[in-house]
Structures are given as structure tokens and as C-alpha cells.
């Protein structure tokens, strides 16, 4: 089974972000797949096992959160060189 969360971190306070993050971790532990679409990169990468970065309608890069943050193309076209997780 999978659950889709579309922009779960948009427009909410830090406490709600923490609650949602805890819930996603709990669901993962229970074996439920969670697919998240969100522009809140820091929050999202903290709770996922794998990330896909879309750019111009295409998958630009996919991999572990660490590899996403280190990828030169992702930093150039999406995160920016000054981005710090």
C-alpha cells in the first residue's frame, strides 16, 4: 500500500511540520510506502529514503537525499549554490 502526500509542508507552522514528519516515519516503519511531492526541500529530504528532482517536466536526478544535495545539476538548476541543508 502507498499513500500520496501532495505538498504536506506548505503553509504550516514548524510544530505541524514536525508532527507530519513523525507520522511519515511511523507509516514507513509500519511498511506503508509514502510518496511525497513538495517544494520544501529541507523538510522533505529529512524523512525520505529516495528523492526524485523534477526540472522542466523531466527527472533531473534521483537518489538518496545525500546524493541529491551533492549533485551539481540539482544545485545549479534547483537548489542554488548557496543552499545548505
C-alpha atoms as a PDB file:
ATOM      1  CA  UNK A   1       0.000   0.000   0.000  1.00  0.00           C
ATOM      2  CA  UNK A   2       1.038   3.551  -0.700  1.00  0.00           C
ATOM      3  CA  UNK A   3      -0.046   6.965   0.498  1.00  0.00           C
ATOM      4  CA  UNK A   4       0.404  10.125  -1.578  1.00  0.00           C
ATOM      5  CA  UNK A   5       1.046  13.382   0.276  1.00  0.00           C
ATOM      6  CA  UNK A   6       0.827  16.404  -2.009  1.00  0.00           C
ATOM      7  CA  UNK A   7       2.670  19.429  -0.584  1.00  0.00           C
ATOM      8  CA  UNK A   8       2.190  18.386   3.076  1.00  0.00           C
ATOM      9  CA  UNK A   9       4.620  21.032   4.379  1.00  0.00           C
ATOM     10  CA  UNK A  10       3.163  24.021   2.546  1.00  0.00           C
ATOM     11  CA  UNK A  11       1.803  26.887   4.635  1.00  0.00           C
ATOM     12  CA  UNK A  12       2.035  25.228   8.037  1.00  0.00           C
ATOM     13  CA  UNK A  13       3.905  26.026  11.234  1.00  0.00           C
ATOM     14  CA  UNK A  14       7.044  24.220  12.443  1.00  0.00           C
ATOM     15  CA  UNK A  15       5.110  22.172  15.020  1.00  0.00           C
ATOM     16  CA  UNK A  16       2.789  20.813  12.339  1.00  0.00           C
ATOM     17  CA  UNK A  17       5.802  20.030  10.130  1.00  0.00           C
ATOM     18  CA  UNK A  18       7.297  18.033  12.994  1.00  0.00           C
ATOM     19  CA  UNK A  19       4.012  16.172  13.558  1.00  0.00           C
ATOM     20  CA  UNK A  20       3.699  15.280   9.875  1.00  0.00           C
ATOM     21  CA  UNK A  21       7.336  14.168   9.739  1.00  0.00           C
ATOM     22  CA  UNK A  22       6.794  11.908  12.754  1.00  0.00           C
ATOM     23  CA  UNK A  23       3.674  10.450  11.144  1.00  0.00           C
ATOM     24  CA  UNK A  24       5.519   9.707   7.890  1.00  0.00           C
ATOM     25  CA  UNK A  25       8.317   7.970   9.821  1.00  0.00           C
ATOM     26  CA  UNK A  26       5.719   5.904  11.697  1.00  0.00           C
ATOM     27  CA  UNK A  27       3.991   4.885   8.465  1.00  0.00           C
ATOM     28  CA  UNK A  28       7.343   3.874   6.948  1.00  0.00           C
ATOM     29  CA  UNK A  29       8.107   1.724   9.997  1.00  0.00           C
ATOM     30  CA  UNK A  30       4.738   0.008   9.534  1.00  0.00           C
ATOM     31  CA  UNK A  31       5.668  -0.854   5.940  1.00  0.00           C
ATOM     32  CA  UNK A  32       3.468   1.681   4.171  1.00  0.00           C
ATOM     33  CA  UNK A  33       5.020   3.398   1.169  1.00  0.00           C
ATOM     34  CA  UNK A  34       4.740   7.179   1.263  1.00  0.00           C
ATOM     35  CA  UNK A  35       5.079   9.255  -1.910  1.00  0.00           C
ATOM     36  CA  UNK A  36       5.613  12.955  -1.192  1.00  0.00           C
ATOM     37  CA  UNK A  37       5.556  15.870  -3.611  1.00  0.00           C
ATOM     38  CA  UNK A  38       6.791  19.076  -2.030  1.00  0.00           C
ATOM     39  CA  UNK A  39       8.943  22.149  -2.647  1.00  0.00           C
ATOM     40  CA  UNK A  40      10.115  22.252   0.978  1.00  0.00           C
ATOM     41  CA  UNK A  41      13.417  20.541   0.257  1.00  0.00           C
ATOM     42  CA  UNK A  42      14.941  20.578   3.741  1.00  0.00           C
ATOM     43  CA  UNK A  43      11.920  19.066   5.451  1.00  0.00           C
ATOM     44  CA  UNK A  44      11.256  16.512   2.731  1.00  0.00           C
ATOM     45  CA  UNK A  45      14.822  15.231   2.417  1.00  0.00           C
ATOM     46  CA  UNK A  46      14.957  14.643   6.174  1.00  0.00           C
ATOM     47  CA  UNK A  47      12.257  11.958   6.008  1.00  0.00           C
ATOM     48  CA  UNK A  48      12.690  10.219   2.646  1.00  0.00           C
ATOM     49  CA  UNK A  49      14.847   7.276   1.607  1.00  0.00           C
ATOM     50  CA  UNK A  50      14.971   8.320  -2.047  1.00  0.00           C
ATOM     51  CA  UNK A  51      14.225  11.560  -3.893  1.00  0.00           C
ATOM     52  CA  UNK A  52      13.420  12.456  -7.483  1.00  0.00           C
ATOM     53  CA  UNK A  53      14.118  16.017  -8.588  1.00  0.00           C
ATOM     54  CA  UNK A  54      11.963  17.189 -11.490  1.00  0.00           C
ATOM     55  CA  UNK A  55      13.033  20.009 -13.777  1.00  0.00           C
ATOM     56  CA  UNK A  56      11.268  21.181 -16.915  1.00  0.00           C
ATOM     57  CA  UNK A  57       8.950  18.165 -16.865  1.00  0.00           C
ATOM     58  CA  UNK A  58      11.768  15.609 -16.677  1.00  0.00           C
ATOM     59  CA  UNK A  59      13.510  13.711 -13.896  1.00  0.00           C
ATOM     60  CA  UNK A  60      16.740  15.650 -13.475  1.00  0.00           C
ATOM     61  CA  UNK A  61      18.200  13.356 -10.826  1.00  0.00           C
ATOM     62  CA  UNK A  62      17.200  10.642  -8.386  1.00  0.00           C
ATOM     63  CA  UNK A  63      18.987   9.092  -5.470  1.00  0.00           C
ATOM     64  CA  UNK A  64      19.488   9.251  -1.736  1.00  0.00           C
ATOM     65  CA  UNK A  65      18.887  12.587  -0.001  1.00  0.00           C
ATOM     66  CA  UNK A  66      22.646  12.979   0.424  1.00  0.00           C
ATOM     67  CA  UNK A  67      23.342  12.401  -3.258  1.00  0.00           C
ATOM     68  CA  UNK A  68      20.604  14.856  -4.258  1.00  0.00           C
ATOM     69  CA  UNK A  69      22.199  17.584  -2.152  1.00  0.00           C
ATOM     70  CA  UNK A  70      25.625  16.916  -3.666  1.00  0.00           C
ATOM     71  CA  UNK A  71      24.550  16.671  -7.306  1.00  0.00           C
ATOM     72  CA  UNK A  72      25.931  19.568  -9.363  1.00  0.00           C
ATOM     73  CA  UNK A  73      22.964  19.695 -11.766  1.00  0.00           C
ATOM     74  CA  UNK A  74      20.453  19.806  -8.905  1.00  0.00           C
ATOM     75  CA  UNK A  75      22.392  22.604  -7.220  1.00  0.00           C
ATOM     76  CA  UNK A  76      22.735  24.526 -10.478  1.00  0.00           C
ATOM     77  CA  UNK A  77      19.100  24.461 -11.639  1.00  0.00           C
ATOM     78  CA  UNK A  78      17.043  23.918  -8.481  1.00  0.00           C
ATOM     79  CA  UNK A  79      18.740  24.405  -5.117  1.00  0.00           C
ATOM     80  CA  UNK A  80      21.281  27.094  -5.926  1.00  0.00           C
ATOM     81  CA  UNK A  81      24.923  27.059  -4.939  1.00  0.00           C
ATOM     82  CA  UNK A  82      24.247  28.701  -1.553  1.00  0.00           C
ATOM     83  CA  UNK A  83      21.696  26.081  -0.443  1.00  0.00           C
ATOM     84  CA  UNK A  84      22.577  24.462   2.884  1.00  0.00           C
ATOM     85  CA  UNK A  85      20.572  21.586   4.285  1.00  0.00           C
END
